[in-house]
Amino acid sequence: MAVKSFNVDEEPELKQEYLEKIERICKGKFRKVNNFSEEFGLNEL
């Protein structure tokens, strides 16, 4: 399955959608994790 890539600078509608998604991500709630692998049980694999 091929994935088509887009240049958001050349596609105004995509650029606006991209900027809105980035803004929602930046406003999201985050928590501090000191050790990712321990926090999510990846050491047990």
PDB file of N, CA and C in Angstrom:
ATOM      1  N   MET A   1       0.845  -1.175   0.000  1.00  0.00           N
ATOM      2  CA  MET A   1       0.000   0.000   0.000  1.00  0.00           C
ATOM      3  C   MET A   1       0.891   1.239   0.000  1.00  0.00           C
ATOM      4  N   ALA A   2       0.747   2.057  -0.990  1.00  0.00           N
ATOM      5  CA  ALA A   2       1.554   3.274  -1.115  1.00  0.00           C
ATOM      6  C   ALA A   2       0.912   4.409  -0.326  1.00  0.00           C
ATOM      7  N   VAL A   3       1.744   5.225   0.256  1.00  0.00           N
ATOM      8  CA  VAL A   3       1.272   6.386   1.012  1.00  0.00           C
ATOM      9  C   VAL A   3       1.683   7.631   0.257  1.00  0.00           C
ATOM     10  N   LYS A   4       0.706   8.454  -0.058  1.00  0.00           N
ATOM     11  CA  LYS A   4       1.003   9.693  -0.777  1.00  0.00           C
ATOM     12  C   LYS A   4       1.386  10.762   0.235  1.00  0.00           C
ATOM     13  N   SER A   5       2.470  11.453  -0.028  1.00  0.00           N
ATOM     14  CA  SER A   5       2.887  12.526   0.877  1.00  0.00           C
ATOM     15  C   SER A   5       2.476  13.871   0.297  1.00  0.00           C
ATOM     16  N   PHE A   6       2.272  14.826   1.171  1.00  0.00           N
ATOM     17  CA  PHE A   6       1.862  16.163   0.774  1.00  0.00           C
ATOM     18  C   PHE A   6       2.794  17.182   1.401  1.00  0.00           C
ATOM     19  N   ASN A   7       2.993  18.264   0.713  1.00  0.00           N
ATOM     20  CA  ASN A   7       3.734  19.389   1.263  1.00  0.00           C
ATOM     21  C   ASN A   7       2.693  20.382   1.766  1.00  0.00           C
ATOM     22  N   VAL A   8       2.602  20.549   3.080  1.00  0.00           N
ATOM     23  CA  VAL A   8       1.552  21.408   3.636  1.00  0.00           C
ATOM     24  C   VAL A   8       1.692  22.855   3.197  1.00  0.00           C
ATOM     25  N   ASP A   9       2.882  23.270   2.814  1.00  0.00           N
ATOM     26  CA  ASP A   9       3.060  24.644   2.336  1.00  0.00           C
ATOM     27  C   ASP A   9       2.410  24.857   0.971  1.00  0.00           C
ATOM     28  N   GLU A  10       2.265  23.783   0.208  1.00  0.00           N
ATOM     29  CA  GLU A  10       1.684  23.885  -1.131  1.00  0.00           C
ATOM     30  C   GLU A  10       0.190  23.584  -1.148  1.00  0.00           C
ATOM     31  N   GLU A  11      -0.356  23.118  -0.046  1.00  0.00           N
ATOM     32  CA  GLU A  11      -1.775  22.759   0.046  1.00  0.00           C
ATOM     33  C   GLU A  11      -2.410  23.555   1.188  1.00  0.00           C
ATOM     34  N   PRO A  12      -3.037  24.695   0.891  1.00  0.00           N
ATOM     35  CA  PRO A  12      -3.585  25.559   1.947  1.00  0.00           C
ATOM     36  C   PRO A  12      -4.562  24.851   2.883  1.00  0.00           C
ATOM     37  N   GLU A  13      -5.434  23.990   2.343  1.00  0.00           N
ATOM     38  CA  GLU A  13      -6.397  23.289   3.202  1.00  0.00           C
ATOM     39  C   GLU A  13      -5.683  22.331   4.143  1.00  0.00           C
ATOM     40  N   LEU A  14      -4.689  21.620   3.625  1.00  0.00           N
ATOM     41  CA  LEU A  14      -3.933  20.702   4.471  1.00  0.00           C
ATOM     42  C   LEU A  14      -3.135  21.458   5.523  1.00  0.00           C
ATOM     43  N   LYS A  15      -2.580  22.598   5.144  1.00  0.00           N
ATOM     44  CA  LYS A  15      -1.797  23.390   6.090  1.00  0.00           C
ATOM     45  C   LYS A  15      -2.668  23.829   7.258  1.00  0.00           C
ATOM     46  N   GLN A  16      -3.889  24.293   6.975  1.00  0.00           N
ATOM     47  CA  GLN A  16      -4.789  24.734   8.039  1.00  0.00           C
ATOM     48  C   GLN A  16      -5.157  23.558   8.942  1.00  0.00           C
ATOM     49  N   GLU A  17      -5.469  22.404   8.342  1.00  0.00           N
ATOM     50  CA  GLU A  17      -5.812  21.213   9.120  1.00  0.00           C
ATOM     51  C   GLU A  17      -4.628  20.790   9.993  1.00  0.00           C
ATOM     52  N   TYR A  18      -3.438  20.820   9.431  1.00  0.00           N
ATOM     53  CA  TYR A  18      -2.217  20.463  10.152  1.00  0.00           C
ATOM     54  C   TYR A  18      -2.010  21.394  11.345  1.00  0.00           C
ATOM     55  N   LEU A  19      -2.147  22.689  11.118  1.00  0.00           N
ATOM     56  CA  LEU A  19      -1.947  23.663  12.193  1.00  0.00           C
ATOM     57  C   LEU A  19      -2.975  23.480  13.303  1.00  0.00           C
ATOM     58  N   GLU A  20      -4.221  23.167  12.937  1.00  0.00           N
ATOM     59  CA  GLU A  20      -5.260  22.936  13.949  1.00  0.00           C
ATOM     60  C   GLU A  20      -4.936  21.697  14.781  1.00  0.00           C
ATOM     61  N   LYS A  21      -4.468  20.644  14.140  1.00  0.00           N
ATOM     62  CA  LYS A  21      -4.117  19.423  14.870  1.00  0.00           C
ATOM     63  C   LYS A  21      -2.938  19.663  15.808  1.00  0.00           C
ATOM     64  N   ILE A  22      -1.934  20.375  15.332  1.00  0.00           N
ATOM     65  CA  ILE A  22      -0.774  20.690  16.175  1.00  0.00           C
ATOM     66  C   ILE A  22      -1.202  21.525  17.378  1.00  0.00           C
ATOM     67  N   GLU A  23      -2.101  22.469  17.163  1.00  0.00           N
ATOM     68  CA  GLU A  23      -2.580  23.311  18.261  1.00  0.00           C
ATOM     69  C   GLU A  23      -3.314  22.473  19.303  1.00  0.00           C
ATOM     70  N   ARG A  24      -4.146  21.516  18.868  1.00  0.00           N
ATOM     71  CA  ARG A  24      -4.864  20.651  19.811  1.00  0.00           C
ATOM     72  C   ARG A  24      -3.885  19.798  20.606  1.00  0.00           C
ATOM     73  N   ILE A  25      -2.852  19.297  19.937  1.00  0.00           N
ATOM     74  CA  ILE A  25      -1.845  18.485  20.631  1.00  0.00           C
ATOM     75  C   ILE A  25      -1.127  19.320  21.690  1.00  0.00           C
ATOM     76  N   CYS A  26      -0.754  20.534  21.334  1.00  0.00           N
ATOM     77  CA  CYS A  26      -0.024  21.404  22.265  1.00  0.00           C
ATOM     78  C   CYS A  26      -0.857  21.778  23.480  1.00  0.00           C
ATOM     79  N   LYS A  27      -2.166  21.828  23.329  1.00  0.00           N
ATOM     80  CA  LYS A  27      -3.050  22.176  24.444  1.00  0.00           C
ATOM     81  C   LYS A  27      -3.415  20.957  25.280  1.00  0.00           C
ATOM     82  N   GLY A  28      -2.955  19.783  24.865  1.00  0.00           N
ATOM     83  CA  GLY A  28      -3.299  18.547  25.552  1.00  0.00           C
ATOM     84  C   GLY A  28      -2.693  18.462  26.942  1.00  0.00           C
ATOM     85  N   LYS A  29      -3.170  17.473  27.689  1.00  0.00           N
ATOM     86  CA  LYS A  29      -2.663  17.260  29.041  1.00  0.00           C
ATOM     87  C   LYS A  29      -1.509  16.266  28.979  1.00  0.00           C
ATOM     88  N   PHE A  30      -0.439  16.608  29.636  1.00  0.00           N
ATOM     89  CA  PHE A  30       0.746  15.767  29.660  1.00  0.00           C
ATOM     90  C   PHE A  30       1.138  15.503  31.108  1.00  0.00           C
ATOM     91  N   ARG A  31       1.819  14.406  31.329  1.00  0.00           N
ATOM     92  CA  ARG A  31       2.351  14.143  32.666  1.00  0.00           C
ATOM     93  C   ARG A  31       3.813  13.773  32.526  1.00  0.00           C
ATOM     94  N   LYS A  32       4.561  14.088  33.551  1.00  0.00           N
ATOM     95  CA  LYS A  32       5.998  13.833  33.512  1.00  0.00           C
ATOM     96  C   LYS A  32       6.270  12.352  33.775  1.00  0.00           C
ATOM     97  N   VAL A  33       7.129  11.776  32.969  1.00  0.00           N
ATOM     98  CA  VAL A  33       7.546  10.385  33.122  1.00  0.00           C
ATOM     99  C   VAL A  33       9.064  10.379  33.183  1.00  0.00           C
ATOM    100  N   ASN A  34       9.612   9.893  34.295  1.00  0.00           N
ATOM    101  CA  ASN A  34      11.066   9.858  34.453  1.00  0.00           C
ATOM    102  C   ASN A  34      11.698   8.695  33.698  1.00  0.00           C
ATOM    103  N   ASN A  35      11.032   7.545  33.698  1.00  0.00           N
ATOM    104  CA  ASN A  35      11.582   6.373  33.029  1.00  0.00           C
ATOM    105  C   ASN A  35      10.458   5.732  32.217  1.00  0.00           C
ATOM    106  N   PHE A  36      10.450   5.990  30.928  1.00  0.00           N
ATOM    107  CA  PHE A  36       9.371   5.538  30.052  1.00  0.00           C
ATOM    108  C   PHE A  36       9.205   4.019  30.077  1.00  0.00           C
ATOM    109  N   SER A  37      10.309   3.293  29.972  1.00  0.00           N
ATOM    110  CA  SER A  37      10.216   1.833  29.912  1.00  0.00           C
ATOM    111  C   SER A  37       9.682   1.240  31.211  1.00  0.00           C
ATOM    112  N   GLU A  38      10.071   1.780  32.345  1.00  0.00           N
ATOM    113  CA  GLU A  38       9.537   1.300  33.621  1.00  0.00           C
ATOM    114  C   GLU A  38       8.070   1.688  33.771  1.00  0.00           C
ATOM    115  N   GLU A  39       7.740   2.891  33.405  1.00  0.00           N
ATOM    116  CA  GLU A  39       6.368   3.396  33.533  1.00  0.00           C
ATOM    117  C   GLU A  39       5.373   2.538  32.754  1.00  0.00           C
ATOM    118  N   PHE A  40       5.772   2.067  31.591  1.00  0.00           N
ATOM    119  CA  PHE A  40       4.861   1.327  30.726  1.00  0.00           C
ATOM    120  C   PHE A  40       5.202  -0.161  30.632  1.00  0.00           C
ATOM    121  N   GLY A  41       6.013  -0.644  31.556  1.00  0.00           N
ATOM    122  CA  GLY A  41       6.292  -2.071  31.656  1.00  0.00           C
ATOM    123  C   GLY A  41       7.092  -2.656  30.506  1.00  0.00           C
ATOM    124  N   LEU A  42       7.942  -1.868  29.893  1.00  0.00           N
ATOM    125  CA  LEU A  42       8.709  -2.362  28.753  1.00  0.00           C
ATOM    126  C   LEU A  42       9.948  -3.139  29.174  1.00  0.00           C
ATOM    127  N   ASN A  43      10.335  -3.046  30.436  1.00  0.00           N
ATOM    128  CA  ASN A  43      11.502  -3.791  30.918  1.00  0.00           C
ATOM    129  C   ASN A  43      11.202  -5.282  31.021  1.00  0.00           C
ATOM    130  N   GLU A  44       9.921  -5.635  31.061  1.00  0.00           N
ATOM    131  CA  GLU A  44       9.521  -7.025  31.259  1.00  0.00           C
ATOM    132  C   GLU A  44       9.499  -7.815  29.965  1.00  0.00           C
ATOM    133  N   LEU A  45       9.734  -7.178  28.831  1.00  0.00           N
ATOM    134  CA  LEU A  45       9.671  -7.883  27.537  1.00  0.00           C
ATOM    135  C   LEU A  45      10.884  -8.733  27.295  1.00  0.00           C
TER     136      LEU A  45
END
